[in-house]
Amino acid sequence: MAIYHLSIKIISRGNGGKSAVAAAAYRAGAKFINEYNGQTYDYTNKPGVIHTEILLPDHAPREYADRSTLWNAVEKVEAAKNAQLARELEIAFPVELSMEQNIKLAREYLQENFVSKGMCVDLCIHDEDRGNPHAHVMLTLRPIEQDGTWGAKSKKEYILDENGEKIKLKSGEYKSRKVNTVDWNDQTKAEEWRAAWADITNRYLEKSNHAERIDHRSYERQGSDQVPTIHMGVAASQMEKKGIRTNRGNINRQAEITNNQMRQLRARIRKSKDWLYSVPIQDAPSMMDVMKRITDGRNLETRWQKIRNLKTQASVLMFIQSHNITDMAQLASTIETINENYKDLADKIKKAERRLDTLSQHITQYESRKTHRAVYNEYARIKDPKKCEAYYTKHSAEIEAFKGARDYLNAVMNGRTDPPPIKEWRKEQQSLTAAKHAACERYYALQDEVRSVEQLRKGAENIMREAAQERQPHRAQDVEL
């Protein structure tokens, strides 16, 4: 099934001393030397790298088509110790398309949205035949001038007074502000890029006669009562393929169960509503006749059938009495109320599920960072490049898990003081779980009410069908006469 996943992050030296050269080597499964710090990064044994290419604007130097040359040039021009080096996109491909189609899809998307705007693009596609084809895309952050040199990311603009004069500060400097030379960092860009990926992917799916579609918006923004699933990722997908249940897999399984239950109940409510509003009032049997039809116990042969029928009678009678239903018009009004209650409960459950999914990811990443911190700290203390590389080779899983968790939590905290509010997250998780269970209990009670409506509808249908059959012989006699 096609899913939507497109995440965006920044590769920065200020974020744990990250390197664009190291990132490019890892994603391409290559061996590069970082001329900025002299370190060698060798990932030539990395599995699953099936396609790599560099896409360049027309005015970029042709030597940048070499991956190592490109990212070493970026490292060289970014001299600051906390410099932002690259933007990275991680994109999931639709499994419905062939790899050849996905490569063409990625190429067209990147050309339209990034290369045409002046960015150099490094595309690496990974797939280990585990149902998780995806791309890692690195984008340059600094514009390239027409002569092939790197341009400035921003420029200083002096703020002028009402007379058009520069404003001098007490420090002797003139008041100014930083103005970006390109709009690549605008807040609207992320939404624009995410929407563009959904649009072009859906065009490819339609062109290939696939019914599946993706949407970059959350279910809440789409107005859907679906509980969202989450992106599995490579590690979780591999474990699930081996039959090992993962936290992410459990979240998706529970979401699918909830979605199926909601779809089924919504369909049952709609079916009952449609029938009630299609029955002419003059043809509708009385509620007393319907109850008699339900309680007459026709065609009951086994003891179990009779017991079940008695339970049905009791539940339907309680339903009628609790809602004070005396005729079909009141039953129609009751099903409208049930439908409104369904919408309210479905909304509460889906919101609770979404927030619980988010909290679960927050807490899981917090625990991962805590678990692997010691290994990463030891790795960061090693100064010798060869020893550092050997240690990384041995502990790459733990190091990458720590870095992934750290980056995730940094994005969640958004500049706020570390550590994350783990106690508050767990307290909220506990409170939301209790609230969701309470909503689910009311939801299950609503299912019982819908079942009672269906029994009443079934009884009325039987009465009306039998009445129609009784009239048929009289019509036949009229024709003969």
Protein backbone atom coordinates (compact mmCIF):
# COMPACT_ATOMS: atom_id res chain seq x y z
CA MET A 1 0.00 0.00 0.00
CA ALA A 2 1.35 3.44 -0.92
CA ILE A 3 2.15 5.56 2.14
CA TYR A 4 3.23 9.16 2.53
CA HIS A 5 6.57 9.85 4.17
CA LEU A 6 8.79 12.86 3.56
CA SER A 7 10.93 14.16 6.42
CA ILE A 8 13.24 17.18 6.29
CA LYS A 9 16.25 17.93 8.48
CA ILE A 10 19.49 19.92 8.47
CA ILE A 11 23.00 18.43 8.53
CA SER A 12 25.07 20.78 10.68
CA ARG A 13 28.47 20.80 12.35
CA GLY A 14 26.78 22.42 15.31
CA ASN A 15 24.63 19.32 15.75
CA GLY A 16 27.14 16.84 17.13
CA GLY A 17 29.86 17.79 14.65
CA LYS A 18 28.13 16.25 11.66
CA SER A 19 29.88 16.15 8.29
CA ALA A 20 28.33 16.49 4.85
CA VAL A 21 31.10 14.30 3.42
CA ALA A 22 30.42 11.57 5.99
CA ALA A 23 26.69 11.75 5.35
CA ALA A 24 27.18 11.53 1.59
CA ALA A 25 29.57 8.57 1.92
CA TYR A 26 27.14 6.69 4.16
CA ARG A 27 24.12 7.25 1.93
CA ALA A 28 26.01 6.34 -1.25
CA GLY A 29 27.87 3.37 0.24
CA ALA A 30 31.20 4.97 -0.74
CA LYS A 31 34.63 5.82 0.69
CA PHE A 32 35.49 9.52 0.96
CA ILE A 33 38.16 11.62 2.67
CA ASN A 34 36.89 14.76 4.39
CA GLU A 35 39.42 17.45 3.52
CA TYR A 36 38.01 19.70 6.28
CA ASN A 37 39.09 17.44 9.16
CA GLY A 38 41.20 14.80 7.45
CA GLN A 39 38.94 11.89 8.42
CA THR A 40 38.21 8.98 6.10
CA TYR A 41 34.71 7.54 5.90
CA ASP A 42 34.40 4.07 4.35
CA TYR A 43 30.92 2.63 3.85
CA THR A 44 31.65 0.54 0.78
CA ASN A 45 30.21 -2.54 2.53
CA LYS A 46 26.84 -0.90 3.17
CA PRO A 47 24.05 -3.06 1.66
CA GLY A 48 20.91 -1.90 -0.10
CA VAL A 49 22.29 1.06 -2.10
CA ILE A 50 20.81 0.48 -5.56
CA HIS A 51 21.03 3.87 -7.27
CA THR A 52 22.98 7.11 -6.82
CA GLU A 53 23.31 10.25 -8.91
CA ILE A 54 24.08 13.96 -8.70
CA LEU A 55 21.75 16.53 -10.29
CA LEU A 56 23.21 19.98 -10.97
CA PRO A 57 21.91 23.38 -12.11
CA ASP A 58 23.20 24.42 -15.53
CA HIS A 59 25.61 27.02 -14.11
CA ALA A 60 27.18 24.71 -11.48
CA PRO A 61 30.78 23.54 -12.10
CA ARG A 62 30.77 20.18 -13.89
CA GLU A 63 33.28 18.73 -11.41
CA TYR A 64 30.52 18.81 -8.78
CA ALA A 65 29.01 15.83 -10.57
CA ASP A 66 31.55 13.89 -8.47
CA ARG A 67 30.00 13.36 -5.04
CA SER A 68 33.22 13.67 -3.04
CA THR A 69 34.22 16.86 -4.87
CA LEU A 70 30.82 18.45 -4.30
CA TRP A 71 30.60 17.89 -0.58
CA ASN A 72 34.24 18.67 0.09
CA ALA A 73 33.63 21.98 -1.70
CA VAL A 74 30.68 22.58 0.65
CA GLU A 75 32.82 21.73 3.70
CA LYS A 76 35.52 24.13 2.48
CA VAL A 77 33.24 27.11 1.88
CA GLU A 78 31.45 26.62 5.23
CA ALA A 79 34.22 27.63 7.62
CA ALA A 80 32.18 28.16 10.81
CA LYS A 81 32.36 25.43 13.44
CA ASN A 82 28.56 25.40 13.73
CA ALA A 83 27.86 25.83 10.00
CA GLN A 84 24.80 24.32 8.39
CA LEU A 85 26.10 22.12 5.57
CA ALA A 86 23.15 20.51 3.81
CA ARG A 87 19.44 19.87 3.92
CA GLU A 88 18.34 16.24 3.81
CA LEU A 89 15.05 14.75 2.67
CA GLU A 90 14.06 11.18 3.42
CA ILE A 91 11.31 10.02 1.06
CA ALA A 92 9.34 6.76 0.92
CA PHE A 93 8.53 5.42 -2.54
CA PRO A 94 5.19 3.77 -3.42
CA VAL A 95 5.70 0.01 -3.58
CA GLU A 96 3.13 -0.15 -6.40
CA LEU A 97 5.67 1.37 -8.83
CA SER A 98 8.70 -0.41 -10.23
CA MET A 99 12.14 0.79 -9.21
CA GLU A 100 12.66 2.18 -12.70
CA GLN A 101 9.47 4.23 -12.31
CA ASN A 102 10.49 5.39 -8.82
CA ILE A 103 13.87 6.58 -10.06
CA LYS A 104 12.18 8.55 -12.83
CA LEU A 105 9.66 9.90 -10.31
CA ALA A 106 12.41 11.07 -7.94
CA ARG A 107 14.41 12.63 -10.75
CA GLU A 108 11.44 14.64 -12.03
CA TYR A 109 10.44 15.78 -8.52
CA LEU A 110 13.96 16.90 -7.63
CA GLN A 111 14.51 18.66 -10.95
CA GLU A 112 11.26 20.65 -10.68
CA ASN A 113 11.51 21.63 -7.02
CA PHE A 114 15.22 21.98 -6.27
CA VAL A 115 17.61 21.81 -9.22
CA SER A 116 15.60 24.37 -11.20
CA LYS A 117 15.85 26.70 -8.17
CA GLY A 118 19.65 26.53 -8.10
CA MET A 119 20.40 23.71 -5.65
CA CYS A 120 22.82 20.85 -6.19
CA VAL A 121 21.07 17.56 -5.43
CA ASP A 122 22.59 14.28 -4.25
CA LEU A 123 20.15 11.37 -4.72
CA CYS A 124 20.73 7.94 -3.14
CA ILE A 125 18.06 5.23 -3.31
CA HIS A 126 18.03 2.33 -0.87
CA ASP A 127 16.07 -0.92 -1.03
CA GLU A 128 16.93 -4.28 0.50
CA ASP A 129 13.85 -6.04 -0.95
CA ARG A 130 12.02 -5.72 2.36
CA GLY A 131 9.14 -3.58 1.13
CA ASN A 132 10.70 -0.26 2.15
CA PRO A 133 12.14 1.46 -0.95
CA HIS A 134 13.19 5.00 -0.06
CA ALA A 135 15.49 7.83 -1.05
CA HIS A 136 17.97 9.97 0.87
CA VAL A 137 18.37 13.35 -0.80
CA MET A 138 21.03 15.90 0.20
CA LEU A 139 20.58 19.50 -0.98
CA THR A 140 23.09 22.34 -0.92
CA LEU A 141 22.12 25.35 1.17
CA ARG A 142 24.33 27.99 -0.44
CA PRO A 143 23.45 29.39 -3.90
CA ILE A 144 25.89 29.13 -6.80
CA GLU A 145 26.61 32.30 -8.78
CA GLN A 146 26.49 32.33 -12.58
CA ASP A 147 30.30 32.20 -12.69
CA GLY A 148 30.26 28.91 -10.73
CA THR A 149 31.41 30.31 -7.38
CA TRP A 150 29.51 29.87 -4.14
CA GLY A 151 27.28 32.81 -3.27
CA ALA A 152 26.35 34.15 0.17
CA LYS A 153 23.48 32.59 2.13
CA SER A 154 22.49 36.00 3.45
CA LYS A 155 23.43 39.65 3.34
CA LYS A 156 23.29 42.56 5.76
CA GLU A 157 20.61 45.15 5.18
CA TYR A 158 20.76 48.45 7.06
CA ILE A 159 17.58 49.69 8.71
CA LEU A 160 16.85 53.29 7.85
CA ASP A 161 15.00 55.97 9.79
CA GLU A 162 12.11 58.06 8.43
CA ASN A 163 14.60 60.30 6.63
CA GLY A 164 16.27 57.39 4.88
CA GLU A 165 19.37 57.59 7.09
CA LYS A 166 21.13 54.66 8.78
CA ILE A 167 20.41 54.34 12.51
CA LYS A 168 23.55 54.40 14.66
CA LEU A 169 23.55 52.31 17.84
CA LYS A 170 25.36 53.08 21.13
CA SER A 171 28.01 50.52 20.20
CA GLY A 172 28.90 52.60 17.15
CA GLU A 173 27.48 49.99 14.79
CA TYR A 174 24.58 50.72 12.50
CA LYS A 175 21.26 48.97 13.04
CA SER A 176 20.82 46.16 10.51
CA ARG A 177 19.15 42.88 9.84
CA LYS A 178 20.05 39.67 8.04
CA VAL A 179 18.26 39.02 4.75
CA ASN A 180 18.41 35.62 3.08
CA THR A 181 19.61 35.70 -0.52
CA VAL A 182 17.30 32.78 -1.43
CA ASP A 183 13.89 31.71 -0.15
CA TRP A 184 14.88 28.09 0.50
CA ASN A 185 14.54 28.51 4.27
CA ASP A 186 11.11 30.14 4.19
CA GLN A 187 8.60 28.46 6.50
CA THR A 188 6.23 27.84 3.60
CA LYS A 189 8.78 25.80 1.65
CA ALA A 190 8.45 22.59 3.67
CA GLU A 191 4.70 22.48 3.05
CA GLU A 192 5.25 23.31 -0.62
CA TRP A 193 7.80 20.51 -1.08
CA ARG A 194 5.68 17.98 0.80
CA ALA A 195 2.58 18.80 -1.27
CA ALA A 196 4.59 18.62 -4.50
CA TRP A 197 5.77 15.10 -3.65
CA ALA A 198 2.18 13.94 -3.07
CA ASP A 199 1.03 15.54 -6.33
CA ILE A 200 3.68 14.04 -8.57
CA THR A 201 3.49 10.61 -6.91
CA ASN A 202 -0.27 10.51 -7.45
CA ARG A 203 0.24 11.44 -11.11
CA TYR A 204 2.62 8.50 -11.53
CA LEU A 205 0.22 6.14 -9.71
CA GLU A 206 -2.68 7.26 -11.90
CA LYS A 207 -0.60 6.97 -15.06
CA SER A 208 0.27 3.38 -14.07
CA ASN A 209 -3.41 2.55 -13.43
CA HIS A 210 -3.05 2.17 -9.67
CA ALA A 211 -6.00 3.19 -7.50
CA GLU A 212 -3.84 4.07 -4.48
CA ARG A 213 -3.16 7.73 -3.67
CA ILE A 214 -1.11 9.52 -1.01
CA ASP A 215 -1.80 12.78 0.83
CA HIS A 216 0.79 14.98 2.53
CA ARG A 217 -1.81 16.30 4.98
CA SER A 218 -2.50 14.65 8.32
CA TYR A 219 -5.76 12.73 8.63
CA GLU A 220 -7.05 15.53 10.86
CA ARG A 221 -6.42 18.12 8.12
CA GLN A 222 -8.04 15.81 5.55
CA GLY A 223 -11.17 15.64 7.72
CA SER A 224 -10.81 11.87 7.96
CA ASP A 225 -11.76 9.82 11.01
CA GLN A 226 -8.86 7.47 10.35
CA VAL A 227 -6.21 6.85 12.98
CA PRO A 228 -2.84 7.42 11.26
CA THR A 229 -0.18 4.75 10.87
CA ILE A 230 3.48 5.71 11.19
CA HIS A 231 6.47 5.20 8.91
CA MET A 232 8.10 1.87 9.81
CA GLY A 233 11.68 2.66 8.82
CA VAL A 234 14.33 0.18 7.70
CA ALA A 235 15.15 -1.44 11.07
CA ALA A 236 11.53 -2.00 12.12
CA SER A 237 10.60 -3.28 8.64
CA GLN A 238 13.43 -5.81 8.74
CA MET A 239 12.42 -7.07 12.18
CA GLU A 240 8.76 -7.36 11.17
CA LYS A 241 9.76 -9.36 8.05
CA LYS A 242 11.53 -11.82 10.37
CA GLY A 243 8.39 -12.17 12.48
CA ILE A 244 9.70 -9.98 15.30
CA ARG A 245 7.03 -7.58 16.55
CA THR A 246 8.20 -4.00 16.96
CA ASN A 247 6.73 -1.01 18.80
CA ARG A 248 6.12 0.76 15.48
CA GLY A 249 4.49 -2.34 14.05
CA ASN A 250 2.24 -2.67 17.11
CA ILE A 251 1.17 0.97 16.73
CA ASN A 252 0.23 0.37 13.09
CA ARG A 253 -1.61 -2.86 13.87
CA GLN A 254 -3.68 -1.20 16.58
CA ALA A 255 -4.41 1.75 14.27
CA GLU A 256 -5.64 -0.64 11.57
CA ILE A 257 -7.90 -2.49 14.04
CA THR A 258 -9.38 0.81 15.23
CA ASN A 259 -9.87 2.02 11.65
CA ASN A 260 -11.62 -1.21 10.64
CA GLN A 261 -13.98 -1.00 13.61
CA MET A 262 -14.81 2.62 12.81
CA ARG A 263 -15.41 1.89 9.13
CA GLN A 264 -17.70 -1.03 9.94
CA LEU A 265 -19.77 0.87 12.51
CA ARG A 266 -20.04 3.93 10.26
CA ALA A 267 -21.30 1.71 7.42
CA ARG A 268 -23.86 0.03 9.68
CA ILE A 269 -25.20 3.38 10.91
CA ARG A 270 -25.44 4.68 7.35
CA LYS A 271 -27.27 1.54 6.19
CA SER A 272 -29.84 1.85 8.97
CA LYS A 273 -30.30 5.57 8.32
CA ASP A 274 -30.79 5.03 4.59
CA TRP A 275 -33.40 2.31 5.20
CA LEU A 276 -35.36 4.29 7.80
CA TYR A 277 -35.58 7.33 5.57
CA SER A 278 -36.60 5.22 2.56
CA VAL A 279 -39.62 3.59 4.25
CA PRO A 280 -42.91 5.42 3.63
CA ILE A 281 -44.51 6.38 6.94
CA GLN A 282 -47.87 4.88 5.91
CA ASP A 283 -46.22 1.49 5.24
CA ALA A 284 -44.15 1.40 8.43
CA PRO A 285 -45.33 -1.10 11.08
CA SER A 286 -45.90 0.03 14.66
CA MET A 287 -43.16 -0.45 17.22
CA MET A 288 -45.41 -2.89 19.12
CA ASP A 289 -45.77 -5.05 15.99
CA VAL A 290 -42.02 -5.00 15.47
CA MET A 291 -41.37 -6.12 19.04
CA LYS A 292 -43.92 -8.93 18.67
CA ARG A 293 -42.13 -10.06 15.51
CA ILE A 294 -38.78 -10.10 17.33
CA THR A 295 -40.18 -12.04 20.32
CA ASP A 296 -42.23 -14.67 18.46
CA GLY A 297 -39.18 -16.92 18.23
CA ARG A 298 -39.82 -18.33 14.76
CA ASN A 299 -37.47 -20.93 13.28
CA LEU A 300 -35.60 -21.39 16.59
CA GLU A 301 -34.46 -24.99 16.86
CA THR A 302 -31.59 -25.25 19.33
CA ARG A 303 -31.45 -24.24 22.96
CA TRP A 304 -28.57 -21.89 22.18
CA GLN A 305 -30.67 -20.10 19.53
CA LYS A 306 -33.52 -19.64 21.98
CA ILE A 307 -31.22 -18.25 24.68
CA ARG A 308 -29.65 -15.85 22.23
CA ASN A 309 -33.10 -14.70 21.09
CA LEU A 310 -34.13 -13.99 24.68
CA LYS A 311 -31.00 -11.88 25.18
CA THR A 312 -31.76 -9.99 21.96
CA GLN A 313 -35.31 -9.34 23.10
CA ALA A 314 -34.10 -7.99 26.45
CA SER A 315 -31.47 -5.68 24.94
CA VAL A 316 -33.86 -4.33 22.28
CA LEU A 317 -36.60 -3.72 24.86
CA MET A 318 -34.16 -1.86 27.12
CA PHE A 319 -33.01 0.20 24.13
CA ILE A 320 -36.60 1.18 23.23
CA GLN A 321 -37.45 2.11 26.81
CA SER A 322 -34.25 4.09 27.43
CA HIS A 323 -34.81 6.16 24.26
CA ASN A 324 -38.62 6.31 24.65
CA ILE A 325 -39.17 5.04 21.07
CA THR A 326 -42.83 4.50 20.12
CA ASP A 327 -42.74 4.62 16.30
CA MET A 328 -40.45 4.56 13.27
CA ALA A 329 -40.14 8.34 13.16
CA GLN A 330 -38.67 8.34 16.68
CA LEU A 331 -36.38 5.46 15.72
CA ALA A 332 -35.10 7.58 12.80
CA SER A 333 -34.48 10.47 15.20
CA THR A 334 -32.61 8.13 17.55
CA ILE A 335 -30.31 6.85 14.81
CA GLU A 336 -29.46 10.49 14.00
CA THR A 337 -28.46 10.97 17.64
CA ILE A 338 -26.43 7.76 17.53
CA ASN A 339 -24.68 9.02 14.40
CA GLU A 340 -23.74 12.32 16.12
CA ASN A 341 -22.49 10.41 19.17
CA TYR A 342 -20.44 8.18 16.87
CA LYS A 343 -18.78 11.20 15.25
CA ASP A 344 -17.96 12.70 18.65
CA LEU A 345 -16.50 9.48 20.05
CA ALA A 346 -14.59 8.68 16.85
CA ASP A 347 -13.06 12.17 16.96
CA LYS A 348 -12.01 11.75 20.61
CA ILE A 349 -10.54 8.30 20.00
CA LYS A 350 -8.60 9.30 16.88
CA LYS A 351 -7.17 12.41 18.60
CA ALA A 352 -6.14 10.34 21.61
CA GLU A 353 -4.57 7.70 19.35
CA ARG A 354 -2.62 10.32 17.41
CA ARG A 355 -1.27 11.98 20.51
CA LEU A 356 -0.46 8.62 22.11
CA ASP A 357 1.46 7.62 18.97
CA THR A 358 3.45 10.86 19.20
CA LEU A 359 4.14 10.39 22.91
CA SER A 360 5.19 6.79 22.31
CA GLN A 361 7.72 7.95 19.73
CA HIS A 362 8.98 10.70 22.06
CA ILE A 363 9.48 8.26 24.93
CA THR A 364 11.02 5.55 22.72
CA GLN A 365 13.55 8.01 21.29
CA TYR A 366 14.33 9.33 24.78
CA GLU A 367 15.05 5.78 26.00
CA SER A 368 17.16 5.07 22.91
CA ARG A 369 19.28 8.18 23.46
CA LYS A 370 19.72 7.24 27.12
CA THR A 371 20.64 3.63 26.31
CA HIS A 372 23.26 4.44 23.66
CA ARG A 373 24.72 7.64 25.14
CA ALA A 374 27.73 5.92 26.75
CA VAL A 375 28.78 4.25 23.48
CA TYR A 376 28.43 7.50 21.56
CA ASN A 377 30.36 9.50 24.18
CA GLU A 378 33.22 7.01 23.96
CA TYR A 379 33.15 7.32 20.17
CA ALA A 380 33.22 11.14 20.38
CA ARG A 381 36.26 11.05 22.72
CA ILE A 382 38.45 9.10 20.27
CA LYS A 383 40.79 11.50 18.45
CA ASP A 384 42.76 9.05 16.31
CA PRO A 385 40.96 8.70 12.92
CA LYS A 386 41.82 5.01 12.48
CA LYS A 387 40.70 4.08 16.00
CA CYS A 388 37.60 6.20 15.52
CA GLU A 389 36.74 4.38 12.29
CA ALA A 390 37.35 0.96 13.87
CA TYR A 391 35.18 1.82 16.87
CA TYR A 392 32.42 3.07 14.57
CA THR A 393 32.53 -0.12 12.51
CA LYS A 394 32.04 -2.17 15.68
CA HIS A 395 29.35 0.04 17.23
CA SER A 396 27.71 1.69 14.21
CA ALA A 397 24.21 0.49 15.16
CA GLU A 398 24.41 2.02 18.65
CA ILE A 399 26.03 5.24 17.40
CA GLU A 400 23.47 5.79 14.66
CA ALA A 401 20.63 4.94 17.06
CA PHE A 402 21.92 7.59 19.49
CA LYS A 403 22.34 10.17 16.74
CA GLY A 404 18.90 9.47 15.32
CA ALA A 405 17.30 9.76 18.76
CA ARG A 406 19.26 12.93 19.53
CA ASP A 407 18.24 14.57 16.26
CA TYR A 408 14.62 13.55 16.80
CA LEU A 409 14.54 15.01 20.32
CA ASN A 410 16.33 18.20 19.21
CA ALA A 411 13.62 18.72 16.61
CA VAL A 412 10.89 18.05 19.20
CA MET A 413 12.42 20.45 21.72
CA ASN A 414 12.90 23.11 19.00
CA GLY A 415 15.57 25.04 20.87
CA ARG A 416 14.07 24.60 24.33
CA THR A 417 16.22 23.53 27.26
CA ASP A 418 17.28 19.90 27.46
CA PRO A 419 16.40 17.42 28.99
CA PRO A 420 13.03 16.68 27.43
CA PRO A 421 10.02 16.67 29.78
CA ILE A 422 9.93 12.88 30.07
CA LYS A 423 7.88 12.88 33.31
CA GLU A 424 5.24 15.12 31.75
CA TRP A 425 5.15 12.91 28.63
CA ARG A 426 4.60 9.78 30.70
CA LYS A 427 1.98 11.46 32.85
CA GLU A 428 0.14 12.67 29.74
CA GLN A 429 0.43 9.20 28.21
CA GLN A 430 -1.15 7.63 31.29
CA SER A 431 -3.96 10.20 31.40
CA LEU A 432 -4.69 9.92 27.67
CA THR A 433 -4.71 6.12 27.82
CA ALA A 434 -7.35 6.23 30.56
CA ALA A 435 -9.40 8.77 28.59
CA LYS A 436 -9.15 6.66 25.43
CA HIS A 437 -10.30 3.54 27.29
CA ALA A 438 -13.29 5.46 28.67
CA ALA A 439 -14.16 6.68 25.16
CA CYS A 440 -13.79 3.13 23.83
CA GLU A 441 -16.21 1.83 26.49
CA ARG A 442 -18.80 4.36 25.33
CA TYR A 443 -18.00 3.41 21.74
CA TYR A 444 -18.70 -0.28 22.47
CA ALA A 445 -21.99 0.71 24.15
CA LEU A 446 -22.82 2.60 20.96
CA GLN A 447 -22.16 -0.58 18.97
CA ASP A 448 -24.78 -2.34 21.13
CA GLU A 449 -27.28 0.43 20.36
CA VAL A 450 -26.62 0.08 16.63
CA ARG A 451 -27.18 -3.67 17.00
CA SER A 452 -30.57 -2.96 18.60
CA VAL A 453 -31.48 -0.60 15.74
CA GLU A 454 -30.54 -3.34 13.27
CA GLN A 455 -32.78 -5.85 15.09
CA LEU A 456 -35.69 -3.41 14.93
CA ARG A 457 -35.02 -2.76 11.27
CA LYS A 458 -34.86 -6.49 10.56
CA GLY A 459 -38.16 -7.06 12.38
CA ALA A 460 -39.87 -4.25 10.46
CA GLU A 461 -38.48 -5.55 7.14
CA ASN A 462 -39.86 -9.04 7.86
CA ILE A 463 -43.31 -7.66 8.67
CA MET A 464 -43.38 -5.53 5.53
CA ARG A 465 -42.16 -8.39 3.34
CA GLU A 466 -44.76 -10.77 4.72
CA ALA A 467 -47.49 -8.16 4.21
CA ALA A 468 -46.40 -7.70 0.59
CA GLN A 469 -46.46 -11.47 0.01
CA GLU A 470 -49.99 -11.70 1.43
CA ARG A 471 -51.20 -9.06 -1.03
CA GLN A 472 -49.77 -10.83 -4.08
CA PRO A 473 -52.45 -13.63 -4.38
CA HIS A 474 -55.23 -11.04 -4.26
CA ARG A 475 -53.61 -9.17 -7.15
CA ALA A 476 -53.44 -12.45 -9.12
CA GLN A 477 -57.15 -13.13 -8.53
CA ASP A 478 -58.03 -9.59 -9.66
CA VAL A 479 -56.17 -10.19 -12.92
CA GLU A 480 -58.05 -13.48 -13.57
CA LEU A 481 -61.43 -11.83 -12.96
